[in-house]
Amino acid sequence: METNLKISNKNEFTSCPFWIIIDPKQNFTVDEDGIHRIAGMITGIWFSREAAQIFLDRTRYNFSKNAKVYCHSGVYSDDWAELSEQLTEK
């Protein structure tokens, strides 16, 4: 089986981009459960803003009205930077 994945070249001026959905919650604390609460606010990753937005639109019932697609950089992860270079659309 062959997988054909490409990272969007519409990278929003971000090096080694990936897109996530962030659904912020109020009143979370940074205690023993804090990291789990923060992780629970993040869904993804996607290789394009369009793909992430389609997922958010199709499953909007799972998210609050404040959920947004966010472009993030993986430039400080050597593994992601290498993969990003290989997968970016030319």
N, C-alpha and C. Protein backbone atom coordinates (compact mmCIF):
# COMPACT_ATOMS: atom_id res chain seq x y z
N MET A 1 0.84 -1.17 0.00
CA MET A 1 0.00 0.00 0.00
C MET A 1 0.89 1.24 0.00
N GLU A 2 0.52 2.21 -0.81
CA GLU A 2 1.28 3.45 -0.89
C GLU A 2 0.44 4.58 -0.34
N THR A 3 1.04 5.42 0.46
CA THR A 3 0.37 6.58 1.02
C THR A 3 0.93 7.82 0.36
N ASN A 4 0.06 8.69 -0.10
CA ASN A 4 0.48 9.91 -0.76
C ASN A 4 -0.01 11.11 0.04
N LEU A 5 0.84 11.62 0.91
CA LEU A 5 0.50 12.78 1.73
C LEU A 5 1.32 13.97 1.27
N LYS A 6 0.69 15.13 1.25
CA LYS A 6 1.39 16.35 0.92
C LYS A 6 0.97 17.43 1.91
N ILE A 7 1.94 18.19 2.37
CA ILE A 7 1.66 19.34 3.22
C ILE A 7 1.36 20.51 2.31
N SER A 8 0.33 21.25 2.63
CA SER A 8 -0.06 22.39 1.81
C SER A 8 1.10 23.37 1.68
N ASN A 9 1.27 23.91 0.47
CA ASN A 9 2.28 24.95 0.29
C ASN A 9 1.74 26.32 0.68
N LYS A 10 0.48 26.38 1.08
CA LYS A 10 -0.11 27.61 1.62
C LYS A 10 0.20 27.62 3.12
N ASN A 11 1.45 27.91 3.44
CA ASN A 11 1.94 27.69 4.79
C ASN A 11 1.79 28.89 5.72
N GLU A 12 1.12 29.93 5.29
CA GLU A 12 0.84 31.09 6.14
C GLU A 12 2.14 31.69 6.69
N PHE A 13 3.19 31.65 5.89
CA PHE A 13 4.51 32.19 6.26
C PHE A 13 5.07 31.53 7.50
N THR A 14 4.77 30.24 7.67
CA THR A 14 5.23 29.47 8.82
C THR A 14 6.13 28.35 8.33
N SER A 15 7.28 28.24 8.95
CA SER A 15 8.21 27.18 8.58
C SER A 15 7.75 25.85 9.17
N CYS A 16 7.78 24.80 8.37
CA CYS A 16 7.39 23.45 8.80
C CYS A 16 5.99 23.44 9.42
N PRO A 17 4.98 23.89 8.69
CA PRO A 17 3.66 24.10 9.29
C PRO A 17 2.88 22.82 9.53
N PHE A 18 2.01 22.89 10.51
CA PHE A 18 0.94 21.92 10.69
C PHE A 18 -0.22 22.67 11.31
N TRP A 19 -1.42 22.14 11.12
CA TRP A 19 -2.61 22.83 11.58
C TRP A 19 -3.31 22.01 12.65
N ILE A 20 -3.81 22.69 13.67
CA ILE A 20 -4.53 22.06 14.76
C ILE A 20 -5.80 22.84 15.02
N ILE A 21 -6.73 22.22 15.71
CA ILE A 21 -7.92 22.92 16.18
C ILE A 21 -7.72 23.15 17.67
N ILE A 22 -7.83 24.40 18.07
CA ILE A 22 -7.74 24.76 19.48
C ILE A 22 -9.13 25.16 19.94
N ASP A 23 -9.59 24.52 21.00
CA ASP A 23 -10.91 24.80 21.57
C ASP A 23 -10.71 25.23 23.03
N PRO A 24 -10.49 26.54 23.25
CA PRO A 24 -10.13 27.01 24.59
C PRO A 24 -11.25 26.83 25.61
N LYS A 25 -10.86 26.45 26.78
CA LYS A 25 -11.79 26.31 27.90
C LYS A 25 -11.40 27.33 28.97
N GLN A 26 -12.36 27.80 29.71
CA GLN A 26 -12.08 28.75 30.78
C GLN A 26 -11.82 28.03 32.09
N ASN A 27 -11.16 28.73 32.97
CA ASN A 27 -10.97 28.31 34.36
C ASN A 27 -10.23 26.99 34.52
N PHE A 28 -9.25 26.75 33.68
CA PHE A 28 -8.45 25.56 33.91
C PHE A 28 -7.27 25.95 34.78
N THR A 29 -6.79 25.01 35.55
CA THR A 29 -5.67 25.27 36.45
C THR A 29 -4.48 24.43 36.02
N VAL A 30 -3.31 24.86 36.39
CA VAL A 30 -2.11 24.11 36.10
C VAL A 30 -1.73 23.36 37.37
N ASP A 31 -2.33 22.21 37.52
CA ASP A 31 -2.05 21.35 38.66
C ASP A 31 -1.76 19.96 38.11
N GLU A 32 -1.99 18.93 38.89
CA GLU A 32 -1.71 17.57 38.41
C GLU A 32 -2.48 17.24 37.13
N ASP A 33 -3.68 17.75 37.01
CA ASP A 33 -4.50 17.47 35.83
C ASP A 33 -4.35 18.55 34.75
N GLY A 34 -3.59 19.58 35.04
CA GLY A 34 -3.49 20.73 34.13
C GLY A 34 -3.06 20.38 32.73
N ILE A 35 -2.03 19.56 32.59
CA ILE A 35 -1.53 19.21 31.26
C ILE A 35 -2.58 18.43 30.47
N HIS A 36 -3.36 17.61 31.15
CA HIS A 36 -4.42 16.87 30.47
C HIS A 36 -5.53 17.81 30.01
N ARG A 37 -5.79 18.82 30.80
CA ARG A 37 -6.82 19.80 30.41
C ARG A 37 -6.35 20.60 29.19
N ILE A 38 -5.08 20.99 29.20
CA ILE A 38 -4.53 21.72 28.05
C ILE A 38 -4.54 20.83 26.81
N ALA A 39 -4.09 19.60 26.94
CA ALA A 39 -4.07 18.67 25.80
C ALA A 39 -5.48 18.44 25.27
N GLY A 40 -6.47 18.47 26.15
CA GLY A 40 -7.85 18.27 25.74
C GLY A 40 -8.41 19.40 24.91
N MET A 41 -7.71 20.52 24.87
CA MET A 41 -8.15 21.68 24.08
C MET A 41 -7.60 21.63 22.66
N ILE A 42 -6.76 20.64 22.36
CA ILE A 42 -6.08 20.56 21.06
C ILE A 42 -6.52 19.30 20.33
N THR A 43 -6.90 19.48 19.07
CA THR A 43 -7.25 18.36 18.20
C THR A 43 -6.42 18.49 16.93
N GLY A 44 -5.90 17.40 16.45
CA GLY A 44 -5.17 17.46 15.19
C GLY A 44 -3.90 16.67 15.29
N ILE A 45 -3.27 16.55 14.19
CA ILE A 45 -2.77 17.55 13.28
C ILE A 45 -3.30 17.30 11.86
N TRP A 46 -3.27 18.37 11.08
CA TRP A 46 -3.63 18.29 9.67
C TRP A 46 -2.50 18.89 8.85
N PHE A 47 -2.48 18.51 7.58
CA PHE A 47 -1.45 18.99 6.68
C PHE A 47 -1.87 20.23 5.91
N SER A 48 -3.08 20.73 6.14
CA SER A 48 -3.52 21.98 5.50
C SER A 48 -4.62 22.61 6.34
N ARG A 49 -4.73 23.93 6.23
CA ARG A 49 -5.82 24.64 6.91
C ARG A 49 -7.17 24.16 6.38
N GLU A 50 -7.24 23.92 5.08
CA GLU A 50 -8.50 23.50 4.48
C GLU A 50 -8.99 22.19 5.08
N ALA A 51 -8.09 21.21 5.22
CA ALA A 51 -8.48 19.92 5.78
C ALA A 51 -8.94 20.06 7.23
N ALA A 52 -8.23 20.86 8.01
CA ALA A 52 -8.62 21.07 9.41
C ALA A 52 -9.96 21.77 9.50
N GLN A 53 -10.18 22.76 8.63
CA GLN A 53 -11.45 23.50 8.66
C GLN A 53 -12.61 22.61 8.25
N ILE A 54 -12.40 21.76 7.26
CA ILE A 54 -13.45 20.82 6.86
C ILE A 54 -13.82 19.91 8.02
N PHE A 55 -12.80 19.39 8.73
CA PHE A 55 -13.08 18.54 9.89
C PHE A 55 -13.85 19.30 10.96
N LEU A 56 -13.42 20.52 11.25
CA LEU A 56 -14.12 21.33 12.26
C LEU A 56 -15.56 21.59 11.84
N ASP A 57 -15.78 21.94 10.58
CA ASP A 57 -17.14 22.20 10.10
C ASP A 57 -18.01 20.95 10.17
N ARG A 58 -17.45 19.82 9.81
CA ARG A 58 -18.23 18.57 9.80
C ARG A 58 -18.54 18.04 11.19
N THR A 59 -17.70 18.38 12.16
CA THR A 59 -17.88 17.86 13.52
C THR A 59 -18.04 18.99 14.52
N ARG A 60 -18.64 20.07 14.08
CA ARG A 60 -18.78 21.28 14.91
C ARG A 60 -19.47 20.96 16.24
N TYR A 61 -20.33 19.98 16.24
CA TYR A 61 -21.07 19.61 17.46
C TYR A 61 -20.14 19.15 18.57
N ASN A 62 -18.90 18.77 18.23
CA ASN A 62 -17.93 18.33 19.24
C ASN A 62 -17.14 19.48 19.85
N PHE A 63 -17.30 20.68 19.33
CA PHE A 63 -16.47 21.81 19.73
C PHE A 63 -17.33 22.98 20.21
N SER A 64 -16.72 23.85 21.00
CA SER A 64 -17.41 25.07 21.42
C SER A 64 -17.40 26.08 20.28
N LYS A 65 -18.13 27.15 20.47
CA LYS A 65 -18.17 28.21 19.45
C LYS A 65 -16.83 28.91 19.31
N ASN A 66 -15.94 28.72 20.29
CA ASN A 66 -14.64 29.39 20.28
C ASN A 66 -13.54 28.60 19.57
N ALA A 67 -13.84 27.42 19.12
CA ALA A 67 -12.82 26.58 18.46
C ALA A 67 -12.37 27.22 17.16
N LYS A 68 -11.06 27.19 16.94
CA LYS A 68 -10.47 27.78 15.73
C LYS A 68 -9.37 26.88 15.21
N VAL A 69 -9.15 26.97 13.89
CA VAL A 69 -8.01 26.30 13.27
C VAL A 69 -6.81 27.22 13.42
N TYR A 70 -5.68 26.64 13.82
CA TYR A 70 -4.48 27.41 14.08
C TYR A 70 -3.29 26.77 13.37
N CYS A 71 -2.51 27.59 12.70
CA CYS A 71 -1.29 27.13 12.03
C CYS A 71 -0.14 27.25 13.01
N HIS A 72 0.57 26.16 13.17
CA HIS A 72 1.66 26.10 14.13
C HIS A 72 2.92 25.64 13.42
N SER A 73 4.08 26.00 13.96
CA SER A 73 5.34 25.62 13.35
C SER A 73 5.99 24.46 14.10
N GLY A 74 6.47 23.50 13.34
CA GLY A 74 7.21 22.39 13.91
C GLY A 74 8.70 22.52 13.64
N VAL A 75 9.16 23.73 13.40
CA VAL A 75 10.54 23.96 12.99
C VAL A 75 11.56 23.49 14.03
N TYR A 76 11.19 23.47 15.30
CA TYR A 76 12.15 23.06 16.33
C TYR A 76 12.18 21.55 16.56
N SER A 77 11.34 20.83 15.85
CA SER A 77 11.37 19.37 15.89
C SER A 77 12.11 18.88 14.65
N ASP A 78 13.29 18.34 14.85
CA ASP A 78 14.08 17.87 13.71
C ASP A 78 13.31 16.84 12.88
N ASP A 79 12.59 15.95 13.56
CA ASP A 79 11.82 14.93 12.85
C ASP A 79 10.73 15.56 11.99
N TRP A 80 9.99 16.53 12.57
CA TRP A 80 8.91 17.17 11.81
C TRP A 80 9.48 18.01 10.68
N ALA A 81 10.58 18.71 10.92
CA ALA A 81 11.18 19.55 9.88
C ALA A 81 11.60 18.69 8.69
N GLU A 82 12.19 17.53 8.96
CA GLU A 82 12.61 16.63 7.89
C GLU A 82 11.39 16.09 7.13
N LEU A 83 10.38 15.64 7.87
CA LEU A 83 9.17 15.14 7.22
C LEU A 83 8.47 16.23 6.44
N SER A 84 8.40 17.41 7.01
CA SER A 84 7.77 18.55 6.34
C SER A 84 8.43 18.87 5.01
N GLU A 85 9.75 18.84 5.01
CA GLU A 85 10.48 19.11 3.77
C GLU A 85 10.15 18.06 2.71
N GLN A 86 10.05 16.80 3.12
CA GLN A 86 9.75 15.71 2.18
C GLN A 86 8.32 15.79 1.64
N LEU A 87 7.39 16.25 2.48
CA LEU A 87 5.98 16.18 2.12
C LEU A 87 5.40 17.48 1.54
N THR A 88 6.13 18.57 1.62
CA THR A 88 5.60 19.85 1.15
C THR A 88 5.40 19.83 -0.36
N GLU A 89 4.22 20.29 -0.78
CA GLU A 89 3.90 20.36 -2.20
C GLU A 89 4.88 21.29 -2.90
N LYS A 90 5.34 20.87 -4.04
CA LYS A 90 6.28 21.70 -4.82
C LYS A 90 5.54 22.45 -5.87
